[in-house]
Amino acid sequence: MRHLTKILTIAIVLLGLSSCFKEEKQGTLLKVAVYSQNVPEDQITHTQTELQAYAFYVPKASSWEVSSWEDAVAMRITNTEKAEQLTSPDVIGKWDSTQEYQVELDLWSPTVFMVIIDVENRLYATRLYDTPINYATTHAQLHLYAHKRSGTANGWTTTNPFPDEAREPLTPQDDENDDDNSNEA
């Protein structure tokens, strides 16, 4: 009985140690649910306009930005400390309006700078992101409000380069006068 106890103890210790040597993999498939609101009266809905997404692998603790709308569309980012630019993204995202998480970015570097663009509504969002270790898939949200000025939320910095531009509602607005006129016939 004493030998059996020793064997079981050794087996348990060895099993515990084997998990210490588990391979760590840094990176993730980032899935982003993007929500939109063009005018304050709109319901907040999943974005239906086509989105573009891309990411650059950048050094940890570096500082990057998209300097203008033209840079966002041209897939160009600028290092604010060294004034260097990157123009060839390491990752191009996938967009599918039928999915709950419409944008997917396959990120396999420790630090990435991401950009998501709503070209039709002329808005974009950026995020410097440290990818997790051993998370195959990560979910995130992004809110793009065309009627608001730039801001930050959920780790994203949203930029509205044209905040005073007139926007069409995403959903048709009910007009009370139309209902009243239809009863007069």
C-alpha atoms as a PDB file:
ATOM      1  CA  MET A   1       0.000   0.000   0.000  1.00  0.00           C
ATOM      2  CA  ARG A   2       2.869   2.324   0.839  1.00  0.00           C
ATOM      3  CA  HIS A   3       4.410   1.781  -2.618  1.00  0.00           C
ATOM      4  CA  LEU A   4       1.116   2.512  -4.308  1.00  0.00           C
ATOM      5  CA  THR A   5       0.868   5.817  -2.411  1.00  0.00           C
ATOM      6  CA  LYS A   6       4.400   6.776  -3.494  1.00  0.00           C
ATOM      7  CA  ILE A   7       3.655   5.930  -7.122  1.00  0.00           C
ATOM      8  CA  LEU A   8       0.417   7.928  -7.106  1.00  0.00           C
ATOM      9  CA  THR A   9       2.166  10.899  -5.476  1.00  0.00           C
ATOM     10  CA  ILE A  10       4.935  10.852  -8.079  1.00  0.00           C
ATOM     11  CA  ALA A  11       2.381  10.557 -10.912  1.00  0.00           C
ATOM     12  CA  ILE A  12       0.420  13.541  -9.612  1.00  0.00           C
ATOM     13  CA  VAL A  13       3.588  15.645  -9.280  1.00  0.00           C
ATOM     14  CA  LEU A  14       4.690  14.723 -12.816  1.00  0.00           C
ATOM     15  CA  LEU A  15       1.273  15.573 -14.251  1.00  0.00           C
ATOM     16  CA  GLY A  16       1.384  18.936 -12.473  1.00  0.00           C
ATOM     17  CA  LEU A  17       4.842  19.658 -13.854  1.00  0.00           C
ATOM     18  CA  SER A  18       3.836  18.766 -17.401  1.00  0.00           C
ATOM     19  CA  SER A  19       1.397  21.697 -17.445  1.00  0.00           C
ATOM     20  CA  CYS A  20       4.300  24.031 -16.630  1.00  0.00           C
ATOM     21  CA  PHE A  21       5.791  23.240 -20.029  1.00  0.00           C
ATOM     22  CA  LYS A  22       2.679  24.104 -21.995  1.00  0.00           C
ATOM     23  CA  GLU A  23       3.512  26.064 -25.123  1.00  0.00           C
ATOM     24  CA  GLU A  24       2.487  29.712 -24.910  1.00  0.00           C
ATOM     25  CA  LYS A  25       1.264  31.383 -28.050  1.00  0.00           C
ATOM     26  CA  GLN A  26       0.806  35.143 -28.161  1.00  0.00           C
ATOM     27  CA  GLY A  27      -1.855  36.420 -30.495  1.00  0.00           C
ATOM     28  CA  THR A  28      -5.538  36.017 -31.204  1.00  0.00           C
ATOM     29  CA  LEU A  29      -8.276  36.142 -33.768  1.00  0.00           C
ATOM     30  CA  LEU A  30      -9.907  39.442 -32.793  1.00  0.00           C
ATOM     31  CA  LYS A  31     -13.607  39.622 -33.634  1.00  0.00           C
ATOM     32  CA  VAL A  32     -15.150  43.092 -33.428  1.00  0.00           C
ATOM     33  CA  ALA A  33     -18.870  43.870 -33.239  1.00  0.00           C
ATOM     34  CA  VAL A  34     -19.304  47.337 -34.740  1.00  0.00           C
ATOM     35  CA  TYR A  35     -22.329  49.484 -33.906  1.00  0.00           C
ATOM     36  CA  SER A  36     -23.420  52.686 -35.658  1.00  0.00           C
ATOM     37  CA  GLN A  37     -25.576  55.736 -35.120  1.00  0.00           C
ATOM     38  CA  ASN A  38     -25.598  58.493 -37.753  1.00  0.00           C
ATOM     39  CA  VAL A  39     -27.968  60.951 -36.065  1.00  0.00           C
ATOM     40  CA  PRO A  40     -29.011  61.151 -32.391  1.00  0.00           C
ATOM     41  CA  GLU A  41     -32.539  59.912 -33.225  1.00  0.00           C
ATOM     42  CA  ASP A  42     -31.233  56.652 -34.749  1.00  0.00           C
ATOM     43  CA  GLN A  43     -31.389  53.394 -32.890  1.00  0.00           C
ATOM     44  CA  ILE A  44     -27.888  52.046 -32.267  1.00  0.00           C
ATOM     45  CA  THR A  45     -27.574  49.140 -34.717  1.00  0.00           C
ATOM     46  CA  HIS A  46     -24.980  46.779 -36.117  1.00  0.00           C
ATOM     47  CA  THR A  47     -23.099  48.590 -38.848  1.00  0.00           C
ATOM     48  CA  GLN A  48     -24.371  47.693 -42.301  1.00  0.00           C
ATOM     49  CA  THR A  49     -21.973  49.846 -44.336  1.00  0.00           C
ATOM     50  CA  GLU A  50     -18.824  48.140 -45.542  1.00  0.00           C
ATOM     51  CA  LEU A  51     -15.903  48.455 -43.167  1.00  0.00           C
ATOM     52  CA  GLN A  52     -12.196  48.270 -43.888  1.00  0.00           C
ATOM     53  CA  ALA A  53      -9.821  47.003 -41.232  1.00  0.00           C
ATOM     54  CA  TYR A  54      -6.072  46.607 -41.040  1.00  0.00           C
ATOM     55  CA  ALA A  55      -3.299  46.273 -38.484  1.00  0.00           C
ATOM     56  CA  PHE A  56       0.430  46.875 -38.212  1.00  0.00           C
ATOM     57  CA  TYR A  57       2.799  44.945 -35.957  1.00  0.00           C
ATOM     58  CA  VAL A  58       4.561  47.622 -33.908  1.00  0.00           C
ATOM     59  CA  PRO A  59       7.057  47.687 -31.004  1.00  0.00           C
ATOM     60  CA  LYS A  60       5.601  47.573 -27.499  1.00  0.00           C
ATOM     61  CA  ALA A  61       5.162  50.995 -25.821  1.00  0.00           C
ATOM     62  CA  SER A  62       5.490  52.834 -29.135  1.00  0.00           C
ATOM     63  CA  SER A  63       3.160  55.665 -30.073  1.00  0.00           C
ATOM     64  CA  TRP A  64       1.273  55.555 -33.376  1.00  0.00           C
ATOM     65  CA  GLU A  65      -1.550  57.532 -34.948  1.00  0.00           C
ATOM     66  CA  VAL A  66      -3.501  58.030 -38.140  1.00  0.00           C
ATOM     67  CA  SER A  67      -2.776  61.675 -38.947  1.00  0.00           C
ATOM     68  CA  SER A  68      -5.675  62.370 -41.319  1.00  0.00           C
ATOM     69  CA  TRP A  69      -8.642  60.904 -43.151  1.00  0.00           C
ATOM     70  CA  GLU A  70      -6.451  60.568 -46.242  1.00  0.00           C
ATOM     71  CA  ASP A  71      -3.906  58.556 -44.207  1.00  0.00           C
ATOM     72  CA  ALA A  72      -6.644  56.277 -42.847  1.00  0.00           C
ATOM     73  CA  VAL A  73      -7.915  55.434 -46.327  1.00  0.00           C
ATOM     74  CA  ALA A  74      -4.345  55.076 -47.682  1.00  0.00           C
ATOM     75  CA  MET A  75      -3.505  52.620 -44.843  1.00  0.00           C
ATOM     76  CA  ARG A  76      -0.757  54.845 -43.485  1.00  0.00           C
ATOM     77  CA  ILE A  77       0.167  55.293 -39.806  1.00  0.00           C
ATOM     78  CA  THR A  78       2.727  57.617 -38.238  1.00  0.00           C
ATOM     79  CA  ASN A  79       4.979  57.131 -35.217  1.00  0.00           C
ATOM     80  CA  THR A  80       4.469  60.285 -33.159  1.00  0.00           C
ATOM     81  CA  GLU A  81       7.899  59.998 -31.500  1.00  0.00           C
ATOM     82  CA  LYS A  82      10.082  59.340 -34.538  1.00  0.00           C
ATOM     83  CA  ALA A  83       7.961  60.764 -37.383  1.00  0.00           C
ATOM     84  CA  GLU A  84       8.342  57.492 -39.305  1.00  0.00           C
ATOM     85  CA  GLN A  85       5.477  56.077 -41.331  1.00  0.00           C
ATOM     86  CA  LEU A  86       4.301  52.558 -42.099  1.00  0.00           C
ATOM     87  CA  THR A  87       2.319  51.998 -45.281  1.00  0.00           C
ATOM     88  CA  SER A  88       2.030  48.211 -45.715  1.00  0.00           C
ATOM     89  CA  PRO A  89      -0.272  46.656 -43.112  1.00  0.00           C
ATOM     90  CA  ASP A  90       0.727  43.282 -41.691  1.00  0.00           C
ATOM     91  CA  VAL A  91      -2.922  42.208 -41.451  1.00  0.00           C
ATOM     92  CA  ILE A  92      -5.941  43.042 -43.591  1.00  0.00           C
ATOM     93  CA  GLY A  93      -9.211  42.378 -41.795  1.00  0.00           C
ATOM     94  CA  LYS A  94     -12.255  40.519 -43.049  1.00  0.00           C
ATOM     95  CA  TRP A  95     -15.712  42.100 -43.020  1.00  0.00           C
ATOM     96  CA  ASP A  96     -19.044  40.255 -43.050  1.00  0.00           C
ATOM     97  CA  SER A  97     -22.228  42.252 -42.342  1.00  0.00           C
ATOM     98  CA  THR A  98     -24.222  39.074 -41.662  1.00  0.00           C
ATOM     99  CA  GLN A  99     -22.171  38.148 -38.590  1.00  0.00           C
ATOM    100  CA  GLU A 100     -22.645  39.469 -35.058  1.00  0.00           C
ATOM    101  CA  TYR A 101     -18.924  40.282 -35.019  1.00  0.00           C
ATOM    102  CA  GLN A 102     -18.595  41.835 -38.486  1.00  0.00           C
ATOM    103  CA  VAL A 103     -14.815  42.447 -38.488  1.00  0.00           C
ATOM    104  CA  GLU A 104     -12.095  39.832 -37.967  1.00  0.00           C
ATOM    105  CA  LEU A 105      -8.376  40.551 -37.595  1.00  0.00           C
ATOM    106  CA  ASP A 106      -5.961  37.631 -37.277  1.00  0.00           C
ATOM    107  CA  LEU A 107      -3.325  39.121 -34.937  1.00  0.00           C
ATOM    108  CA  TRP A 108      -0.202  37.092 -34.110  1.00  0.00           C
ATOM    109  CA  SER A 109       2.267  39.635 -32.801  1.00  0.00           C
ATOM    110  CA  PRO A 110       2.692  40.911 -29.232  1.00  0.00           C
ATOM    111  CA  THR A 111       1.632  44.494 -30.054  1.00  0.00           C
ATOM    112  CA  VAL A 112      -0.487  45.759 -32.933  1.00  0.00           C
ATOM    113  CA  PHE A 113      -1.898  49.094 -34.045  1.00  0.00           C
ATOM    114  CA  MET A 114      -5.358  48.549 -35.548  1.00  0.00           C
ATOM    115  CA  VAL A 115      -7.528  50.755 -37.749  1.00  0.00           C
ATOM    116  CA  ILE A 116     -11.191  50.208 -38.669  1.00  0.00           C
ATOM    117  CA  ILE A 117     -12.745  52.548 -41.248  1.00  0.00           C
ATOM    118  CA  ASP A 118     -16.352  53.239 -42.183  1.00  0.00           C
ATOM    119  CA  VAL A 119     -15.664  54.716 -45.623  1.00  0.00           C
ATOM    120  CA  GLU A 120     -19.274  55.617 -46.447  1.00  0.00           C
ATOM    121  CA  ASN A 121     -19.765  57.611 -43.237  1.00  0.00           C
ATOM    122  CA  ARG A 122     -16.148  58.869 -43.216  1.00  0.00           C
ATOM    123  CA  LEU A 123     -15.215  57.745 -39.696  1.00  0.00           C
ATOM    124  CA  TYR A 124     -12.373  55.660 -38.353  1.00  0.00           C
ATOM    125  CA  ALA A 125     -11.194  54.133 -35.106  1.00  0.00           C
ATOM    126  CA  THR A 126      -7.715  53.189 -33.922  1.00  0.00           C
ATOM    127  CA  ARG A 127      -6.352  51.075 -31.112  1.00  0.00           C
ATOM    128  CA  LEU A 128      -2.912  50.069 -29.843  1.00  0.00           C
ATOM    129  CA  TYR A 129      -3.427  46.521 -28.592  1.00  0.00           C
ATOM    130  CA  ASP A 130      -1.274  44.070 -26.677  1.00  0.00           C
ATOM    131  CA  THR A 131      -2.449  40.670 -27.853  1.00  0.00           C
ATOM    132  CA  PRO A 132      -3.256  38.068 -25.199  1.00  0.00           C
ATOM    133  CA  ILE A 133      -1.371  34.832 -24.583  1.00  0.00           C
ATOM    134  CA  ASN A 134      -3.228  31.564 -25.284  1.00  0.00           C
ATOM    135  CA  TYR A 135      -6.542  33.145 -26.305  1.00  0.00           C
ATOM    136  CA  ALA A 136      -7.473  31.711 -29.674  1.00  0.00           C
ATOM    137  CA  THR A 137     -10.360  34.162 -30.122  1.00  0.00           C
ATOM    138  CA  THR A 138     -11.072  37.513 -28.472  1.00  0.00           C
ATOM    139  CA  HIS A 139     -14.307  39.515 -28.810  1.00  0.00           C
ATOM    140  CA  ALA A 140     -14.542  43.315 -28.721  1.00  0.00           C
ATOM    141  CA  GLN A 141     -17.026  46.094 -29.487  1.00  0.00           C
ATOM    142  CA  LEU A 142     -16.634  49.353 -31.373  1.00  0.00           C
ATOM    143  CA  HIS A 143     -19.201  52.163 -31.536  1.00  0.00           C
ATOM    144  CA  LEU A 144     -19.055  54.600 -34.465  1.00  0.00           C
ATOM    145  CA  TYR A 145     -21.308  57.622 -34.005  1.00  0.00           C
ATOM    146  CA  ALA A 146     -21.256  59.849 -37.079  1.00  0.00           C
ATOM    147  CA  HIS A 147     -23.014  62.710 -35.284  1.00  0.00           C
ATOM    148  CA  LYS A 148     -20.407  62.946 -32.515  1.00  0.00           C
ATOM    149  CA  ARG A 149     -16.956  64.415 -32.468  1.00  0.00           C
ATOM    150  CA  SER A 150     -13.935  62.226 -31.823  1.00  0.00           C
ATOM    151  CA  GLY A 151     -13.606  60.348 -28.533  1.00  0.00           C
ATOM    152  CA  THR A 152     -12.468  57.189 -26.761  1.00  0.00           C
ATOM    153  CA  ALA A 153     -14.360  54.135 -25.505  1.00  0.00           C
ATOM    154  CA  ASN A 154     -13.659  50.422 -24.970  1.00  0.00           C
ATOM    155  CA  GLY A 155      -9.965  50.927 -25.789  1.00  0.00           C
ATOM    156  CA  TRP A 156     -10.719  52.525 -29.162  1.00  0.00           C
ATOM    157  CA  THR A 157     -10.096  56.117 -30.224  1.00  0.00           C
ATOM    158  CA  THR A 158     -12.741  57.144 -32.729  1.00  0.00           C
ATOM    159  CA  THR A 159     -12.107  59.998 -35.131  1.00  0.00           C
ATOM    160  CA  ASN A 160     -14.732  61.941 -37.009  1.00  0.00           C
ATOM    161  CA  PRO A 161     -12.792  64.171 -39.424  1.00  0.00           C
ATOM    162  CA  PHE A 162     -16.057  65.705 -40.691  1.00  0.00           C
ATOM    163  CA  PRO A 163     -18.190  66.265 -37.553  1.00  0.00           C
ATOM    164  CA  ASP A 164     -20.292  69.069 -39.045  1.00  0.00           C
ATOM    165  CA  GLU A 165     -21.251  67.112 -42.161  1.00  0.00           C
ATOM    166  CA  ALA A 166     -25.001  66.473 -42.541  1.00  0.00           C
ATOM    167  CA  ARG A 167     -25.797  62.778 -42.039  1.00  0.00           C
ATOM    168  CA  GLU A 168     -28.713  60.700 -43.241  1.00  0.00           C
ATOM    169  CA  PRO A 169     -30.494  58.621 -40.583  1.00  0.00           C
ATOM    170  CA  LEU A 170     -29.704  54.908 -40.654  1.00  0.00           C
ATOM    171  CA  THR A 171     -33.375  54.077 -40.114  1.00  0.00           C
ATOM    172  CA  PRO A 172     -36.319  55.954 -41.633  1.00  0.00           C
ATOM    173  CA  GLN A 173     -37.799  58.432 -39.177  1.00  0.00           C
ATOM    174  CA  ASP A 174     -41.565  58.357 -38.638  1.00  0.00           C
ATOM    175  CA  ASP A 175     -43.185  61.632 -39.619  1.00  0.00           C
ATOM    176  CA  GLU A 176     -46.366  62.284 -37.626  1.00  0.00           C
ATOM    177  CA  ASN A 177     -47.708  64.539 -40.388  1.00  0.00           C
ATOM    178  CA  ASP A 178     -47.661  61.661 -42.904  1.00  0.00           C
ATOM    179  CA  ASP A 179     -49.941  59.610 -40.618  1.00  0.00           C
ATOM    180  CA  ASP A 180     -52.382  62.488 -40.194  1.00  0.00           C
ATOM    181  CA  ASN A 181     -52.560  63.151 -43.967  1.00  0.00           C
ATOM    182  CA  SER A 182     -53.213  59.499 -44.836  1.00  0.00           C
ATOM    183  CA  ASN A 183     -56.514  59.574 -42.866  1.00  0.00           C
ATOM    184  CA  GLU A 184     -57.883  62.553 -44.833  1.00  0.00           C
ATOM    185  CA  ALA A 185     -58.433  60.645 -48.109  1.00  0.00           C
END
